[in-house]
Amino acid sequence: MSNKVLMMALVLVMVVSVALFAAEQPQYGGTLFRENNTDWDTLDPAYCSGFDAGDMAVKIFDGLVRFDYYSNEIRPNLAKNWEVSNNNQTFIFHLRPGVKFHNGRELTAADVKYSFDRLYDPATASPGTWVYDMIVGTEQALDGKSDGLAGVQVLDDYTVSFELKYPFGLFLTHLTLPYGLIVPREEVERWGDRFSQNPVGTGPWKFVEWRHDERLVLEANEDYWEGRPYLDKVVYRVIPHALTRIAEFEAGNLDYTAVPQEELKRWTNNPEWQPYLHQMAELSTYYLALNSDFEPLNQPRIRKAIALALDSEQITRALFPQYIPADDAIPAGMPGGLSQTGPGYDPEKAKELMAEAGYPDGFAMEIWTSSGENSVRVGGVLQALLKRVGIEVRLVKNDWSVFFATVKKGKAPAYYLSWWADYADPYNFLDALYASEGSRINYKNAIIDKMLEEMARTTSVEARVEISKKIIEVARQQGDPYVWLFHTSSTTVKQPWIKGEIHHQMYDADKLVTWWIDQEIKAELTK
């Protein structure tokens, strides 16, 4: 532990005790120092397919709606309110008057239409066209047969309507995704391909500087419609190595960072830092996928046997003890799963099923993984466990680009991968993994497809949760094409002077408007 941290520990209890008895009033001012483990690939919402890009974009731009900062509820953002009619197919949004882009121009409904039209302009080639394909006119726009989306219409300067092809109960949730952030036409046309390097939005943070692979700097938008953020500036440093990031935190050069797995025990056992640690279940699911294009994985009994041969609790305890063993696709804490009702671990039963399927002496199969350290470790454990029941596994390890290209084409017999939520609803997991259309494992189930369609159209959260459970039951009965392994969690640590931070499961929920720095505590601990 550094001298600075030792000094901090000596005065920490006294300073914090005084602070606890005083009413904590947020303070304006100061610079927040954070980190990212990689450079951002874009800051243009039309191309924000990754979590890092989306997390940054929502700070510079706004959408019509957003997630609540402390729950997964949908809240007004640029739209102050809206009406839904026509069997959940017509949405009319009323914009807040007086909202300004960072260049000083007022936002209007024409900007909303332009932003959605731009997504479906063939010249844009956005990877996000799947997000709003329920809007009328998307196919025609992508084919170049129309100028913009017929389903998005400007009614007046502060009113815009969306017409959907069919009822879609998650349309508002889809509007929280970074692809739905609103951009100013004149700035996009001014900068062209360089708009990503010069982003202009209506968000609480203005772009200042981006030194690739080094740092990205934001400053508070003094004219933000909801009131300027408490902080003056945020500096994100690009630090690829986890141990370097935690060392920089210990040295006082970072205000907030993730605790790496290899350091977790040291930090969680340190009483001085325990009040400033936060562990959170993440909306992720890691799994082994079994491709029905390959024998004998097309047989339900073989898929059930593989699931019975793999003990998710044993795998999780051995590799990632801080994670949560998985029973199904739905992460811990999200409704819609069937916790503690998975197939269980029964290698003898697995051998019986293999014999019934015509493989009493076992068989050989390939499992594909990326060449990342953790992926290879998981692959090795899967290989060892399956060998116990007579399945000889050959691990095929490739760099990410080769691995994922093979998976997308449906050419990997079995593979280890994960799904992370685009938004907090079980439909986002089940549709991505079980829908027949676009399946990477040739899984086709008409019953599940029908239930997914019903799940998508209902506006009732309760109904979607019940359908989710039924889908999981059907998949299990018919030989689930996935073996569920674990759900991840993250542990972060902050400096004692950081207040108002948000720990949200959705990567695109935090706009950094609640964070503030207690200058008295910082001055005391760093003098």
Protein backbone atom coordinates (compact mmCIF):
# COMPACT_ATOMS: atom_id res chain seq x y z
CA MET A 1 0.00 0.00 0.00
CA SER A 2 1.37 3.43 -0.93
CA ASN A 3 2.25 6.09 1.62
CA LYS A 4 -0.58 8.21 0.30
CA VAL A 5 -3.11 5.45 0.95
CA LEU A 6 -1.70 4.84 4.45
CA MET A 7 -2.04 8.53 5.22
CA MET A 8 -5.59 8.49 3.91
CA ALA A 9 -6.47 5.51 6.08
CA LEU A 10 -5.27 7.27 9.24
CA VAL A 11 -7.62 10.21 8.86
CA LEU A 12 -10.41 8.45 7.01
CA VAL A 13 -12.51 7.42 9.99
CA MET A 14 -12.41 10.91 11.53
CA VAL A 15 -13.28 12.74 8.33
CA VAL A 16 -16.03 10.35 7.31
CA SER A 17 -17.56 10.36 10.80
CA VAL A 18 -17.85 14.15 10.69
CA ALA A 19 -19.33 13.98 7.19
CA LEU A 20 -21.96 11.45 8.24
CA PHE A 21 -23.35 13.81 10.87
CA ALA A 22 -23.57 16.69 8.43
CA ALA A 23 -26.21 16.96 5.76
CA GLU A 24 -24.46 16.21 2.50
CA GLN A 25 -25.24 19.02 0.11
CA PRO A 26 -23.94 18.45 -3.42
CA GLN A 27 -21.16 20.85 -4.36
CA TYR A 28 -20.37 22.29 -7.75
CA GLY A 29 -16.88 22.20 -9.18
CA GLY A 30 -13.88 19.92 -9.59
CA THR A 31 -12.61 17.39 -12.11
CA LEU A 32 -13.50 13.71 -12.03
CA PHE A 33 -10.77 11.35 -13.20
CA ARG A 34 -11.96 8.03 -14.59
CA GLU A 35 -10.51 5.33 -16.85
CA ASN A 36 -11.42 3.10 -19.73
CA ASN A 37 -9.61 -0.09 -20.64
CA THR A 38 -9.70 0.63 -24.38
CA ASP A 39 -10.08 3.52 -26.75
CA TRP A 40 -13.56 4.36 -28.02
CA ASP A 41 -14.33 3.26 -31.55
CA THR A 42 -16.79 6.10 -32.15
CA LEU A 43 -18.72 8.93 -30.51
CA ASP A 44 -21.32 9.09 -33.29
CA PRO A 45 -24.63 7.62 -32.08
CA ALA A 46 -25.35 6.08 -35.49
CA TYR A 47 -22.42 3.71 -34.99
CA CYS A 48 -22.53 3.07 -31.23
CA SER A 49 -22.72 -0.72 -31.29
CA GLY A 50 -20.40 -1.23 -28.31
CA PHE A 51 -20.86 -0.57 -24.61
CA ASP A 52 -17.92 1.84 -24.34
CA ALA A 53 -19.19 4.01 -27.19
CA GLY A 54 -22.77 3.96 -25.90
CA ASP A 55 -21.72 4.79 -22.34
CA MET A 56 -19.90 7.88 -23.61
CA ALA A 57 -22.48 8.94 -26.19
CA VAL A 58 -25.31 9.31 -23.65
CA LYS A 59 -23.26 11.92 -21.81
CA ILE A 60 -22.87 14.11 -24.92
CA PHE A 61 -26.27 13.44 -26.51
CA ASP A 62 -29.87 13.00 -25.32
CA GLY A 63 -32.67 10.77 -26.56
CA LEU A 64 -36.41 11.18 -26.35
CA VAL A 65 -36.44 9.06 -23.19
CA ARG A 66 -33.88 7.60 -20.80
CA PHE A 67 -33.59 5.12 -17.98
CA ASP A 68 -34.26 6.33 -14.47
CA TYR A 69 -30.95 6.80 -12.69
CA TYR A 70 -31.91 4.42 -9.88
CA SER A 71 -34.15 1.85 -11.57
CA ASN A 72 -34.97 0.38 -14.96
CA GLU A 73 -38.04 2.57 -15.37
CA ILE A 74 -38.35 4.76 -18.47
CA ARG A 75 -38.24 8.52 -17.83
CA PRO A 76 -38.85 11.56 -20.07
CA ASN A 77 -35.75 13.16 -21.55
CA LEU A 78 -35.99 15.39 -24.64
CA ALA A 79 -39.66 14.42 -24.78
CA LYS A 80 -41.51 15.88 -21.81
CA ASN A 81 -44.44 13.53 -22.40
CA TRP A 82 -46.06 11.32 -25.03
CA GLU A 83 -49.27 9.59 -26.06
CA VAL A 84 -49.70 6.04 -27.29
CA SER A 85 -52.67 4.95 -29.42
CA ASN A 86 -53.73 2.66 -32.26
CA ASN A 87 -53.11 -0.56 -30.36
CA ASN A 88 -49.63 0.50 -29.28
CA GLN A 89 -48.55 1.42 -32.82
CA THR A 90 -48.74 5.22 -32.80
CA PHE A 91 -46.49 7.25 -30.49
CA ILE A 92 -46.67 11.06 -30.36
CA PHE A 93 -43.85 12.80 -28.48
CA HIS A 94 -43.99 16.37 -27.21
CA LEU A 95 -40.53 17.92 -27.00
CA ARG A 96 -39.30 20.31 -24.34
CA PRO A 97 -39.09 23.83 -25.75
CA GLY A 98 -35.85 25.73 -25.31
CA VAL A 99 -33.47 22.75 -25.37
CA LYS A 100 -30.25 23.76 -27.12
CA PHE A 101 -27.53 21.87 -28.88
CA HIS A 102 -23.98 22.63 -27.79
CA ASN A 103 -23.65 24.96 -30.80
CA GLY A 104 -26.44 27.13 -29.40
CA ARG A 105 -29.26 26.17 -31.77
CA GLU A 106 -32.62 25.09 -30.37
CA LEU A 107 -33.67 21.50 -30.84
CA THR A 108 -36.85 20.89 -32.85
CA ALA A 109 -38.88 17.94 -34.05
CA ALA A 110 -37.05 18.14 -37.40
CA ASP A 111 -33.87 17.06 -35.58
CA VAL A 112 -35.63 13.96 -34.27
CA LYS A 113 -36.81 12.99 -37.74
CA TYR A 114 -33.39 13.68 -39.24
CA SER A 115 -31.64 11.49 -36.66
CA PHE A 116 -33.89 8.50 -37.35
CA ASP A 117 -33.87 9.06 -41.12
CA ARG A 118 -30.07 9.14 -41.00
CA LEU A 119 -29.95 5.72 -39.33
CA TYR A 120 -31.74 4.21 -42.34
CA ASP A 121 -29.93 6.15 -45.04
CA PRO A 122 -27.94 3.54 -47.02
CA ALA A 123 -25.03 6.00 -47.14
CA THR A 124 -24.82 5.97 -43.33
CA ALA A 125 -24.49 2.18 -43.15
CA SER A 126 -25.39 2.15 -39.47
CA PRO A 127 -25.09 -1.17 -37.62
CA GLY A 128 -28.15 -0.17 -35.57
CA THR A 129 -30.92 -0.55 -38.13
CA TRP A 130 -32.22 -3.66 -36.34
CA VAL A 131 -33.18 -1.54 -33.32
CA TYR A 132 -36.06 0.34 -34.97
CA ASP A 133 -37.06 -1.97 -37.80
CA MET A 134 -40.61 -1.93 -36.42
CA ILE A 135 -41.04 1.68 -37.66
CA VAL A 136 -43.02 2.06 -40.89
CA GLY A 137 -40.80 2.65 -43.92
CA THR A 138 -37.49 1.20 -42.74
CA GLU A 139 -37.18 -1.31 -45.60
CA GLN A 140 -37.94 1.29 -48.26
CA ALA A 141 -35.39 3.71 -46.79
CA LEU A 142 -32.65 1.08 -46.59
CA ASP A 143 -33.37 0.07 -50.21
CA GLY A 144 -33.05 3.70 -51.30
CA LYS A 145 -36.69 3.79 -52.41
CA SER A 146 -37.72 6.62 -50.08
CA ASP A 147 -36.19 9.78 -48.68
CA GLY A 148 -36.39 9.08 -44.97
CA LEU A 149 -38.83 7.12 -42.85
CA ALA A 150 -42.52 7.42 -43.68
CA GLY A 151 -43.28 6.35 -40.12
CA VAL A 152 -41.57 9.36 -38.51
CA GLN A 153 -43.41 12.63 -39.10
CA VAL A 154 -42.95 16.19 -37.84
CA LEU A 155 -46.32 17.51 -36.64
CA ASP A 156 -44.98 20.89 -35.52
CA ASP A 157 -41.73 22.31 -34.13
CA TYR A 158 -42.15 20.47 -30.84
CA THR A 159 -44.18 17.40 -31.81
CA VAL A 160 -43.10 14.28 -33.66
CA SER A 161 -44.99 11.06 -34.34
CA PHE A 162 -43.82 7.47 -34.83
CA GLU A 163 -45.96 4.90 -36.63
CA LEU A 164 -45.07 1.23 -36.11
CA LYS A 165 -45.77 -1.69 -38.45
CA TYR A 166 -47.14 -3.76 -35.58
CA PRO A 167 -47.71 -3.38 -31.84
CA PHE A 168 -44.37 -3.40 -30.04
CA GLY A 169 -44.47 -3.23 -26.26
CA LEU A 170 -40.78 -2.40 -25.89
CA PHE A 171 -40.61 0.57 -28.25
CA LEU A 172 -39.96 3.08 -25.45
CA THR A 173 -37.25 0.82 -24.08
CA HIS A 174 -35.62 0.65 -27.52
CA LEU A 175 -35.56 4.44 -27.58
CA THR A 176 -33.09 4.39 -24.65
CA LEU A 177 -30.45 2.77 -26.86
CA PRO A 178 -27.62 5.02 -28.13
CA TYR A 179 -28.83 4.67 -31.73
CA GLY A 180 -31.85 6.78 -30.73
CA LEU A 181 -29.80 9.77 -29.56
CA ILE A 182 -30.56 13.01 -31.39
CA VAL A 183 -27.93 14.78 -33.54
CA PRO A 184 -27.94 18.21 -35.29
CA ARG A 185 -28.02 17.96 -39.08
CA GLU A 186 -25.77 20.95 -39.70
CA GLU A 187 -22.97 19.55 -37.55
CA VAL A 188 -23.17 16.11 -39.16
CA GLU A 189 -23.02 17.69 -42.61
CA ARG A 190 -20.26 20.06 -41.54
CA TRP A 191 -17.97 17.34 -40.23
CA GLY A 192 -19.00 14.37 -42.36
CA ASP A 193 -16.98 11.29 -41.40
CA ARG A 194 -15.28 13.39 -38.71
CA PHE A 195 -18.47 14.01 -36.74
CA SER A 196 -17.38 11.20 -34.42
CA GLN A 197 -14.27 13.23 -33.60
CA ASN A 198 -16.30 16.43 -33.14
CA PRO A 199 -19.60 15.37 -31.53
CA VAL A 200 -22.26 17.97 -30.80
CA GLY A 201 -25.41 17.06 -28.89
CA THR A 202 -27.81 18.45 -26.30
CA GLY A 203 -26.42 16.38 -23.42
CA PRO A 204 -25.08 17.48 -20.03
CA TRP A 205 -21.47 17.20 -21.23
CA LYS A 206 -19.69 19.02 -24.04
CA PHE A 207 -16.91 17.36 -25.93
CA VAL A 208 -13.50 19.01 -25.39
CA GLU A 209 -10.72 16.70 -26.50
CA TRP A 210 -10.00 13.16 -27.64
CA ARG A 211 -6.41 11.99 -27.82
CA HIS A 212 -6.76 8.49 -29.15
CA ASP A 213 -5.44 5.72 -26.90
CA GLU A 214 -4.63 8.36 -24.28
CA ARG A 215 -7.57 10.36 -22.95
CA LEU A 216 -11.01 11.87 -23.60
CA VAL A 217 -12.13 15.10 -21.91
CA LEU A 218 -15.64 16.48 -21.32
CA GLU A 219 -16.77 19.75 -19.72
CA ALA A 220 -20.08 20.63 -18.08
CA ASN A 221 -22.80 22.03 -20.31
CA GLU A 222 -23.71 25.22 -18.47
CA ASP A 223 -26.94 25.52 -20.51
CA TYR A 224 -28.18 21.98 -20.01
CA TRP A 225 -31.96 21.99 -19.93
CA GLU A 226 -32.11 20.01 -16.68
CA GLY A 227 -29.41 22.09 -14.97
CA ARG A 228 -25.67 21.82 -15.35
CA PRO A 229 -23.84 18.82 -13.82
CA TYR A 230 -22.14 19.34 -10.46
CA LEU A 231 -18.70 18.53 -11.83
CA ASP A 232 -16.83 21.01 -14.01
CA LYS A 233 -14.92 18.47 -16.04
CA VAL A 234 -14.45 14.73 -16.55
CA VAL A 235 -11.18 13.24 -17.78
CA TYR A 236 -11.21 9.63 -18.99
CA ARG A 237 -7.79 8.03 -19.32
CA VAL A 238 -7.24 5.01 -21.55
CA ILE A 239 -5.42 2.42 -19.38
CA PRO A 240 -5.50 -1.08 -20.91
CA HIS A 241 -4.05 -3.05 -18.00
CA ALA A 242 -6.19 -3.72 -14.92
CA LEU A 243 -3.31 -3.74 -12.45
CA THR A 244 -2.10 -0.39 -13.83
CA ARG A 245 -5.57 1.06 -13.34
CA ILE A 246 -5.77 -0.05 -9.70
CA ALA A 247 -2.23 1.22 -9.07
CA GLU A 248 -3.20 4.61 -10.50
CA PHE A 249 -6.22 4.62 -8.21
CA GLU A 250 -4.06 3.85 -5.17
CA ALA A 251 -1.75 6.69 -6.14
CA GLY A 252 -4.74 9.06 -6.14
CA ASN A 253 -4.65 9.64 -9.90
CA LEU A 254 -8.07 8.09 -10.49
CA ASP A 255 -11.30 8.75 -8.61
CA TYR A 256 -13.17 5.59 -9.56
CA THR A 257 -12.17 2.25 -11.07
CA ALA A 258 -13.01 -1.43 -11.30
CA VAL A 259 -11.29 -3.83 -8.92
CA PRO A 260 -9.61 -6.58 -10.99
CA GLN A 261 -10.34 -10.18 -10.13
CA GLU A 262 -6.81 -10.88 -8.96
CA GLU A 263 -7.01 -7.95 -6.53
CA LEU A 264 -10.54 -8.58 -5.26
CA LYS A 265 -9.62 -10.41 -2.05
CA ARG A 266 -7.06 -7.77 -1.06
CA TRP A 267 -9.54 -4.93 -1.44
CA THR A 268 -12.60 -6.61 0.05
CA ASN A 269 -10.57 -7.63 3.12
CA ASN A 270 -9.33 -4.09 3.68
CA PRO A 271 -11.65 -2.45 6.26
CA GLU A 272 -10.55 1.07 5.32
CA TRP A 273 -11.80 0.63 1.75
CA GLN A 274 -14.90 -1.48 2.37
CA PRO A 275 -17.25 1.54 2.62
CA TYR A 276 -16.11 2.63 -0.84
CA LEU A 277 -16.47 -0.71 -2.62
CA HIS A 278 -19.58 -1.62 -4.54
CA GLN A 279 -20.44 -5.02 -5.99
CA MET A 280 -23.22 -5.28 -8.57
CA ALA A 281 -24.76 -8.16 -10.48
CA GLU A 282 -24.48 -7.46 -14.19
CA LEU A 283 -27.01 -8.16 -16.93
CA SER A 284 -24.92 -10.83 -18.62
CA THR A 285 -25.12 -14.53 -19.36
CA TYR A 286 -22.19 -16.77 -20.33
CA TYR A 287 -22.96 -20.05 -22.06
CA LEU A 288 -21.87 -22.97 -24.18
CA ALA A 289 -23.85 -22.97 -27.45
CA LEU A 290 -24.56 -26.26 -29.25
CA ASN A 291 -25.05 -26.03 -33.03
CA SER A 292 -27.75 -28.34 -34.43
CA ASP A 293 -26.05 -28.33 -37.84
CA PHE A 294 -23.52 -30.78 -36.40
CA GLU A 295 -23.98 -34.41 -35.38
CA PRO A 296 -24.72 -35.49 -32.70
CA LEU A 297 -25.52 -32.03 -31.26
CA ASN A 298 -28.76 -32.02 -33.26
CA GLN A 299 -30.14 -34.68 -30.91
CA PRO A 300 -32.04 -33.37 -27.86
CA ARG A 301 -30.81 -36.23 -25.66
CA ILE A 302 -27.18 -35.38 -26.48
CA ARG A 303 -27.74 -31.71 -25.63
CA LYS A 304 -29.36 -32.74 -22.33
CA ALA A 305 -26.43 -35.06 -21.61
CA ILE A 306 -23.91 -32.27 -22.15
CA ALA A 307 -25.85 -30.01 -19.79
CA LEU A 308 -25.93 -32.75 -17.12
CA ALA A 309 -22.17 -33.25 -17.48
CA LEU A 310 -21.37 -29.61 -16.79
CA ASP A 311 -21.73 -28.30 -13.25
CA SER A 312 -22.22 -24.53 -13.41
CA GLU A 313 -21.62 -24.15 -9.67
CA GLN A 314 -18.36 -26.07 -9.83
CA ILE A 315 -17.21 -24.10 -12.89
CA THR A 316 -18.07 -20.76 -11.32
CA ARG A 317 -16.49 -21.54 -7.95
CA ALA A 318 -13.30 -22.75 -9.60
CA LEU A 319 -12.84 -19.90 -12.04
CA PHE A 320 -14.84 -16.87 -10.91
CA PRO A 321 -15.99 -17.23 -7.30
CA GLN A 322 -17.44 -13.71 -7.28
CA TYR A 323 -19.84 -14.58 -10.13
CA ILE A 324 -23.27 -16.22 -9.95
CA PRO A 325 -23.89 -19.76 -11.31
CA ALA A 326 -26.51 -19.73 -14.06
CA ASP A 327 -29.66 -21.85 -14.31
CA ASP A 328 -30.96 -20.23 -17.50
CA ALA A 329 -30.49 -17.24 -19.78
CA ILE A 330 -31.98 -14.65 -17.44
CA PRO A 331 -29.42 -12.87 -15.19
CA ALA A 332 -29.73 -12.84 -11.44
CA GLY A 333 -31.99 -10.04 -10.28
CA MET A 334 -33.96 -9.83 -13.54
CA PRO A 335 -37.47 -11.32 -13.48
CA GLY A 336 -38.32 -14.02 -15.98
CA GLY A 337 -35.90 -16.78 -15.00
CA LEU A 338 -36.47 -20.12 -13.25
CA SER A 339 -33.80 -19.92 -10.58
CA GLN A 340 -32.49 -23.12 -9.03
CA THR A 341 -34.46 -25.29 -11.42
CA GLY A 342 -31.79 -26.01 -14.01
CA PRO A 343 -30.94 -29.49 -15.28
CA GLY A 344 -28.45 -29.97 -12.44
CA TYR A 345 -25.25 -31.99 -12.42
CA ASP A 346 -25.64 -35.72 -13.02
CA PRO A 347 -22.82 -37.35 -15.04
CA GLU A 348 -24.30 -40.84 -14.69
CA LYS A 349 -27.59 -39.69 -16.18
CA ALA A 350 -25.58 -37.98 -18.93
CA LYS A 351 -23.98 -41.32 -19.85
CA GLU A 352 -27.41 -43.00 -19.92
CA LEU A 353 -28.78 -40.39 -22.32
CA MET A 354 -25.73 -40.72 -24.56
CA ALA A 355 -26.23 -44.49 -24.71
CA GLU A 356 -29.92 -44.04 -25.55
CA ALA A 357 -28.90 -41.67 -28.36
CA GLY A 358 -26.54 -44.30 -29.80
CA TYR A 359 -23.26 -43.12 -28.29
CA PRO A 360 -22.53 -45.51 -25.40
CA ASP A 361 -18.80 -44.97 -25.83
CA GLY A 362 -19.04 -41.23 -26.17
CA PHE A 363 -18.03 -39.08 -29.13
CA ALA A 364 -15.68 -36.28 -30.16
CA MET A 365 -16.63 -32.62 -30.63
CA GLU A 366 -15.08 -29.21 -31.08
CA ILE A 367 -15.62 -26.25 -28.77
CA TRP A 368 -14.56 -22.89 -30.18
CA THR A 369 -13.35 -20.07 -27.95
CA SER A 370 -11.60 -16.77 -28.44
CA SER A 371 -7.93 -16.73 -27.52
CA GLY A 372 -8.56 -14.48 -24.50
CA GLU A 373 -7.13 -15.79 -21.25
CA ASN A 374 -10.47 -16.26 -19.46
CA SER A 375 -12.10 -17.89 -22.48
CA VAL A 376 -9.30 -20.42 -22.76
CA ARG A 377 -9.55 -21.16 -19.02
CA VAL A 378 -13.28 -21.81 -19.29
CA GLY A 379 -12.74 -23.96 -22.37
CA GLY A 380 -10.23 -26.07 -20.48
CA VAL A 381 -12.65 -26.74 -17.63
CA LEU A 382 -15.45 -27.66 -20.07
CA GLN A 383 -13.04 -30.02 -21.80
CA ALA A 384 -12.09 -31.74 -18.52
CA LEU A 385 -15.69 -32.15 -17.29
CA LEU A 386 -16.96 -33.55 -20.59
CA LYS A 387 -14.10 -36.04 -20.74
CA ARG A 388 -15.47 -37.60 -17.55
CA VAL A 389 -18.55 -38.78 -19.43
CA GLY A 390 -16.68 -39.92 -22.53
CA ILE A 391 -16.87 -36.76 -24.68
CA GLU A 392 -13.49 -35.91 -26.19
CA VAL A 393 -13.30 -32.16 -26.73
CA ARG A 394 -10.88 -30.42 -29.07
CA LEU A 395 -10.56 -26.76 -28.17
CA VAL A 396 -10.32 -24.48 -31.18
CA LYS A 397 -8.82 -21.16 -30.07
CA ASN A 398 -8.68 -18.16 -32.39
CA ASP A 399 -8.34 -14.41 -32.11
CA TRP A 400 -11.64 -12.62 -31.64
CA SER A 401 -12.19 -11.59 -35.27
CA VAL A 402 -11.75 -15.14 -36.63
CA PHE A 403 -13.70 -16.68 -33.75
CA PHE A 404 -16.70 -14.36 -33.98
CA ALA A 405 -16.85 -14.45 -37.78
CA THR A 406 -17.07 -18.25 -37.60
CA VAL A 407 -19.78 -18.09 -34.94
CA LYS A 408 -21.86 -15.56 -36.90
CA LYS A 409 -21.76 -17.75 -40.00
CA GLY A 410 -22.98 -20.75 -37.97
CA LYS A 411 -19.79 -22.69 -38.71
CA ALA A 412 -18.72 -23.41 -35.11
CA PRO A 413 -20.07 -26.77 -33.81
CA ALA A 414 -20.07 -25.50 -30.23
CA TYR A 415 -18.74 -22.28 -28.77
CA TYR A 416 -18.29 -20.37 -25.54
CA LEU A 417 -19.72 -16.86 -25.61
CA SER A 418 -21.93 -14.42 -23.72
CA TRP A 419 -24.90 -12.12 -24.16
CA TRP A 420 -25.05 -8.72 -22.45
CA ALA A 421 -28.30 -6.78 -22.20
CA ASP A 422 -29.08 -3.98 -24.63
CA TYR A 423 -31.88 -3.15 -22.21
CA ALA A 424 -33.24 -4.61 -19.01
CA ASP A 425 -35.94 -7.01 -20.15
CA PRO A 426 -35.92 -10.81 -20.52
CA TYR A 427 -37.08 -10.46 -24.14
CA ASN A 428 -33.70 -8.98 -25.04
CA PHE A 429 -32.00 -12.23 -23.97
CA LEU A 430 -34.52 -14.76 -25.24
CA ASP A 431 -35.11 -13.21 -28.66
CA ALA A 432 -31.38 -12.88 -29.32
CA LEU A 433 -30.66 -16.47 -28.30
CA TYR A 434 -33.72 -18.52 -29.24
CA ALA A 435 -35.40 -16.86 -32.25
CA SER A 436 -35.24 -19.01 -35.39
CA GLU A 437 -34.53 -16.04 -37.63
CA GLY A 438 -30.84 -15.26 -37.59
CA SER A 439 -29.95 -18.24 -35.40
CA ARG A 440 -26.23 -19.00 -35.27
CA ILE A 441 -26.86 -22.56 -34.14
CA ASN A 442 -29.66 -23.59 -36.52
CA TYR A 443 -32.13 -23.70 -33.64
CA LYS A 444 -35.70 -23.55 -34.91
CA ASN A 445 -38.66 -23.88 -32.60
CA ALA A 446 -42.03 -22.69 -33.86
CA ILE A 447 -43.57 -22.75 -30.37
CA ILE A 448 -40.85 -20.49 -28.97
CA ASP A 449 -41.02 -18.19 -32.02
CA LYS A 450 -44.74 -17.68 -31.42
CA MET A 451 -44.18 -16.95 -27.73
CA LEU A 452 -41.42 -14.48 -28.57
CA GLU A 453 -43.77 -12.66 -30.92
CA GLU A 454 -46.39 -12.48 -28.16
CA MET A 455 -43.72 -11.32 -25.71
CA ALA A 456 -42.63 -8.51 -28.02
CA ARG A 457 -46.10 -7.14 -28.58
CA THR A 458 -47.37 -6.96 -25.03
CA THR A 459 -46.87 -3.81 -22.97
CA SER A 460 -47.27 -5.77 -19.73
CA VAL A 461 -44.03 -6.48 -17.88
CA GLU A 462 -45.82 -9.18 -15.89
CA ALA A 463 -46.97 -10.91 -19.07
CA ARG A 464 -43.46 -10.85 -20.55
CA VAL A 465 -42.08 -12.37 -17.36
CA GLU A 466 -44.55 -15.25 -17.47
CA ILE A 467 -43.91 -15.90 -21.17
CA SER A 468 -40.18 -15.84 -20.45
CA LYS A 469 -40.57 -18.65 -17.94
CA LYS A 470 -42.62 -20.70 -20.41
CA ILE A 471 -39.96 -20.28 -23.12
CA ILE A 472 -37.28 -21.53 -20.75
CA GLU A 473 -39.44 -24.55 -19.83
CA VAL A 474 -40.08 -25.43 -23.49
CA ALA A 475 -36.38 -25.16 -24.35
CA ARG A 476 -35.45 -27.47 -21.48
CA GLN A 477 -38.05 -30.07 -22.37
CA GLN A 478 -36.88 -30.19 -25.98
CA GLY A 479 -33.15 -30.18 -25.30
CA ASP A 480 -31.85 -26.68 -24.67
CA PRO A 481 -29.25 -25.68 -27.29
CA TYR A 482 -27.40 -23.74 -24.57
CA VAL A 483 -25.65 -24.82 -21.42
CA TRP A 484 -25.84 -21.87 -19.03
CA LEU A 485 -22.65 -21.27 -17.06
CA PHE A 486 -22.66 -18.05 -15.04
CA HIS A 487 -23.73 -14.42 -14.73
CA THR A 488 -21.03 -11.87 -14.02
CA SER A 489 -20.77 -9.23 -11.33
CA SER A 490 -18.49 -6.23 -11.04
CA THR A 491 -16.76 -4.62 -8.09
CA THR A 492 -15.79 -0.96 -8.19
CA VAL A 493 -14.01 1.31 -5.76
CA LYS A 494 -14.22 5.07 -5.39
CA GLN A 495 -12.19 7.65 -3.55
CA PRO A 496 -13.80 8.82 -0.28
CA TRP A 497 -14.50 12.27 -1.70
CA ILE A 498 -16.66 11.00 -4.55
CA LYS A 499 -20.38 11.40 -3.88
CA GLY A 500 -23.61 10.85 -5.76
CA GLU A 501 -22.24 8.10 -7.99
CA ILE A 502 -24.66 5.80 -9.78
CA HIS A 503 -24.34 2.02 -9.96
CA HIS A 504 -26.73 1.10 -12.76
CA GLN A 505 -26.95 -2.25 -14.51
CA MET A 506 -27.51 -0.56 -17.87
CA TYR A 507 -24.35 0.76 -19.48
CA ASP A 508 -26.17 3.70 -21.09
CA ALA A 509 -28.11 4.95 -18.04
CA ASP A 510 -25.60 7.18 -16.22
CA LYS A 511 -25.27 10.70 -17.64
CA LEU A 512 -22.90 11.77 -14.80
CA VAL A 513 -25.26 14.50 -13.63
CA THR A 514 -25.52 13.25 -10.03
CA TRP A 515 -21.80 12.84 -9.27
CA TRP A 516 -20.02 15.44 -7.17
CA ILE A 517 -16.79 15.92 -5.22
CA ASP A 518 -16.65 16.72 -1.52
CA GLN A 519 -13.83 19.23 -1.68
CA GLU A 520 -13.27 19.29 2.09
CA ILE A 521 -12.70 15.54 2.31
CA LYS A 522 -10.48 15.62 -0.77
CA ALA A 523 -8.40 18.48 0.59
CA GLU A 524 -7.98 16.72 3.94
CA LEU A 525 -6.99 13.36 2.47
CA THR A 526 -4.64 14.64 -0.22
CA LYS A 527 -2.80 17.45 1.57
